[in-house]
Amino acid sequence: MTEGQLQQAVRRFGFGARTDLGLPGESTGLVTSAQNWTLYSQTYVSIGHEIGVTPVQMVRAFSAFARSDELAGTLPRLTLVADEGDASRAGIVVRVLPPE
């Protein structure tokens, strides 16, 4: 991956942004900004340095690999309470990987 591709992948998986779960005080996590990347940042990020994620972000990102069929490679929309009548909260939110 190029430096730009890795930066985009980190953001596509939801790292460095709130999950909009609705928890008060939810953190965005820590991701080194593109402007602050150094010669070594690409290597460091690939092994988990220069990035800090919340447990909710990690579970949500891993779900892209755990989902099957047409949902494979997508991030789920998160809610605190399941509301089956709210169709706006259902469906694919972000495709981060091709389904195959």
C-alpha atoms as a PDB file:
ATOM      1  CA  MET A   1       0.000   0.000   0.000  1.00  0.00           C
ATOM      2  CA  THR A   2       1.131   3.507  -0.659  1.00  0.00           C
ATOM      3  CA  GLU A   3       1.161   6.068   2.127  1.00  0.00           C
ATOM      4  CA  GLY A   4      -2.075   7.611   0.832  1.00  0.00           C
ATOM      5  CA  GLN A   5      -3.799   4.236   0.481  1.00  0.00           C
ATOM      6  CA  LEU A   6      -2.921   3.314   4.064  1.00  0.00           C
ATOM      7  CA  GLN A   7      -4.175   6.671   5.362  1.00  0.00           C
ATOM      8  CA  GLN A   8      -7.454   6.187   3.470  1.00  0.00           C
ATOM      9  CA  ALA A   9      -7.851   2.615   4.735  1.00  0.00           C
ATOM     10  CA  VAL A  10      -7.391   3.708   8.342  1.00  0.00           C
ATOM     11  CA  ARG A  11     -10.140   6.317   7.895  1.00  0.00           C
ATOM     12  CA  ARG A  12     -12.431   3.980   5.890  1.00  0.00           C
ATOM     13  CA  PHE A  13     -12.442   1.492   8.769  1.00  0.00           C
ATOM     14  CA  GLY A  14     -13.684   4.283  11.041  1.00  0.00           C
ATOM     15  CA  PHE A  15     -10.540   4.950  13.033  1.00  0.00           C
ATOM     16  CA  GLY A  16     -10.101   8.565  14.075  1.00  0.00           C
ATOM     17  CA  ALA A  17     -13.856   9.265  14.031  1.00  0.00           C
ATOM     18  CA  ARG A  18     -16.723   8.776  16.460  1.00  0.00           C
ATOM     19  CA  THR A  19     -19.007   5.796  15.846  1.00  0.00           C
ATOM     20  CA  ASP A  20     -22.144   7.867  16.585  1.00  0.00           C
ATOM     21  CA  LEU A  21     -23.237   5.180  19.003  1.00  0.00           C
ATOM     22  CA  GLY A  22     -24.623   7.841  21.313  1.00  0.00           C
ATOM     23  CA  LEU A  23     -22.360   7.288  24.286  1.00  0.00           C
ATOM     24  CA  PRO A  24     -21.529  10.496  26.133  1.00  0.00           C
ATOM     25  CA  GLY A  25     -17.856  11.374  25.959  1.00  0.00           C
ATOM     26  CA  GLU A  26     -17.092   8.956  23.123  1.00  0.00           C
ATOM     27  CA  SER A  27     -13.536   9.430  21.877  1.00  0.00           C
ATOM     28  CA  THR A  28     -12.463   9.603  18.258  1.00  0.00           C
ATOM     29  CA  GLY A  29      -9.351   7.629  19.078  1.00  0.00           C
ATOM     30  CA  LEU A  30      -5.951   8.829  17.923  1.00  0.00           C
ATOM     31  CA  VAL A  31      -4.713   8.742  14.343  1.00  0.00           C
ATOM     32  CA  THR A  32      -1.642  10.633  13.198  1.00  0.00           C
ATOM     33  CA  SER A  33      -2.809  13.244  10.711  1.00  0.00           C
ATOM     34  CA  ALA A  34      -1.563  13.101   7.115  1.00  0.00           C
ATOM     35  CA  GLN A  35       0.362  16.327   7.665  1.00  0.00           C
ATOM     36  CA  ASN A  36       2.252  14.816  10.609  1.00  0.00           C
ATOM     37  CA  TRP A  37       3.259  11.548   8.944  1.00  0.00           C
ATOM     38  CA  THR A  38       6.998  11.005   8.859  1.00  0.00           C
ATOM     39  CA  LEU A  39       9.211   8.786   6.741  1.00  0.00           C
ATOM     40  CA  TYR A  40       8.478   5.941   9.183  1.00  0.00           C
ATOM     41  CA  SER A  41       4.742   6.430   9.783  1.00  0.00           C
ATOM     42  CA  GLN A  42       3.629   3.942   7.135  1.00  0.00           C
ATOM     43  CA  THR A  43       5.665   1.206   8.810  1.00  0.00           C
ATOM     44  CA  TYR A  44       4.608   2.241  12.310  1.00  0.00           C
ATOM     45  CA  VAL A  45       0.882   2.358  11.483  1.00  0.00           C
ATOM     46  CA  SER A  46       1.011  -1.059   9.815  1.00  0.00           C
ATOM     47  CA  ILE A  47       2.154  -2.602  13.126  1.00  0.00           C
ATOM     48  CA  GLY A  48      -0.255  -0.613  15.287  1.00  0.00           C
ATOM     49  CA  HIS A  49       1.761   2.420  16.327  1.00  0.00           C
ATOM     50  CA  GLU A  50       0.759   6.079  15.747  1.00  0.00           C
ATOM     51  CA  ILE A  51      -2.866   4.980  16.027  1.00  0.00           C
ATOM     52  CA  GLY A  52      -5.101   4.446  19.031  1.00  0.00           C
ATOM     53  CA  VAL A  53      -8.631   3.092  18.733  1.00  0.00           C
ATOM     54  CA  THR A  54     -11.498   2.573  21.133  1.00  0.00           C
ATOM     55  CA  PRO A  55     -12.835  -0.930  21.814  1.00  0.00           C
ATOM     56  CA  VAL A  56     -16.055  -0.068  19.960  1.00  0.00           C
ATOM     57  CA  GLN A  57     -14.093   1.092  16.899  1.00  0.00           C
ATOM     58  CA  MET A  58     -12.066  -2.129  16.916  1.00  0.00           C
ATOM     59  CA  VAL A  59     -15.140  -4.370  17.129  1.00  0.00           C
ATOM     60  CA  ARG A  60     -16.880  -2.408  14.383  1.00  0.00           C
ATOM     61  CA  ALA A  61     -13.825  -2.562  12.093  1.00  0.00           C
ATOM     62  CA  PHE A  62     -13.389  -6.306  12.659  1.00  0.00           C
ATOM     63  CA  SER A  63     -17.015  -6.867  11.692  1.00  0.00           C
ATOM     64  CA  ALA A  64     -16.074  -6.065   8.076  1.00  0.00           C
ATOM     65  CA  PHE A  65     -14.219  -9.390   8.071  1.00  0.00           C
ATOM     66  CA  ALA A  66     -16.805 -11.283  10.142  1.00  0.00           C
ATOM     67  CA  ARG A  67     -19.910 -10.456   8.083  1.00  0.00           C
ATOM     68  CA  SER A  68     -20.991 -12.763   5.267  1.00  0.00           C
ATOM     69  CA  ASP A  69     -22.795 -12.646   1.928  1.00  0.00           C
ATOM     70  CA  GLU A  70     -23.611  -9.153   0.609  1.00  0.00           C
ATOM     71  CA  LEU A  71     -22.686  -7.599   3.970  1.00  0.00           C
ATOM     72  CA  ALA A  72     -19.121  -8.915   3.789  1.00  0.00           C
ATOM     73  CA  GLY A  73     -16.680  -6.026   3.811  1.00  0.00           C
ATOM     74  CA  THR A  74     -19.122  -3.533   5.314  1.00  0.00           C
ATOM     75  CA  LEU A  75     -19.280  -1.744   8.633  1.00  0.00           C
ATOM     76  CA  PRO A  76     -22.536  -2.051  10.588  1.00  0.00           C
ATOM     77  CA  ARG A  77     -24.483   0.924  11.850  1.00  0.00           C
ATOM     78  CA  LEU A  78     -24.325   0.846  15.632  1.00  0.00           C
ATOM     79  CA  THR A  79     -27.204   1.543  18.011  1.00  0.00           C
ATOM     80  CA  LEU A  80     -27.570   1.274  21.774  1.00  0.00           C
ATOM     81  CA  VAL A  81     -31.108  -0.094  21.567  1.00  0.00           C
ATOM     82  CA  ALA A  82     -32.385  -2.153  18.654  1.00  0.00           C
ATOM     83  CA  ASP A  83     -35.387  -0.463  17.051  1.00  0.00           C
ATOM     84  CA  GLU A  84     -36.751  -2.690  14.320  1.00  0.00           C
ATOM     85  CA  GLY A  85     -39.160   0.008  13.153  1.00  0.00           C
ATOM     86  CA  ASP A  86     -36.413   2.506  12.277  1.00  0.00           C
ATOM     87  CA  ALA A  87     -35.441   1.663   8.691  1.00  0.00           C
ATOM     88  CA  SER A  88     -33.046   4.632   8.489  1.00  0.00           C
ATOM     89  CA  ARG A  89     -30.742   2.823  10.933  1.00  0.00           C
ATOM     90  CA  ALA A  90     -30.601  -0.377   8.835  1.00  0.00           C
ATOM     91  CA  GLY A  91     -28.514  -1.413   5.876  1.00  0.00           C
ATOM     92  CA  ILE A  92     -24.987  -0.974   4.694  1.00  0.00           C
ATOM     93  CA  VAL A  93     -23.281   2.088   6.088  1.00  0.00           C
ATOM     94  CA  VAL A  94     -19.810   1.923   4.584  1.00  0.00           C
ATOM     95  CA  ARG A  95     -18.241  -0.610   2.273  1.00  0.00           C
ATOM     96  CA  VAL A  96     -14.580  -0.832   3.265  1.00  0.00           C
ATOM     97  CA  LEU A  97     -13.618  -3.966   1.325  1.00  0.00           C
ATOM     98  CA  PRO A  98     -14.914  -5.775  -1.763  1.00  0.00           C
ATOM     99  CA  PRO A  99     -17.360  -8.565  -0.809  1.00  0.00           C
ATOM    100  CA  GLU A 100     -15.080 -11.297  -2.104  1.00  0.00           C
END
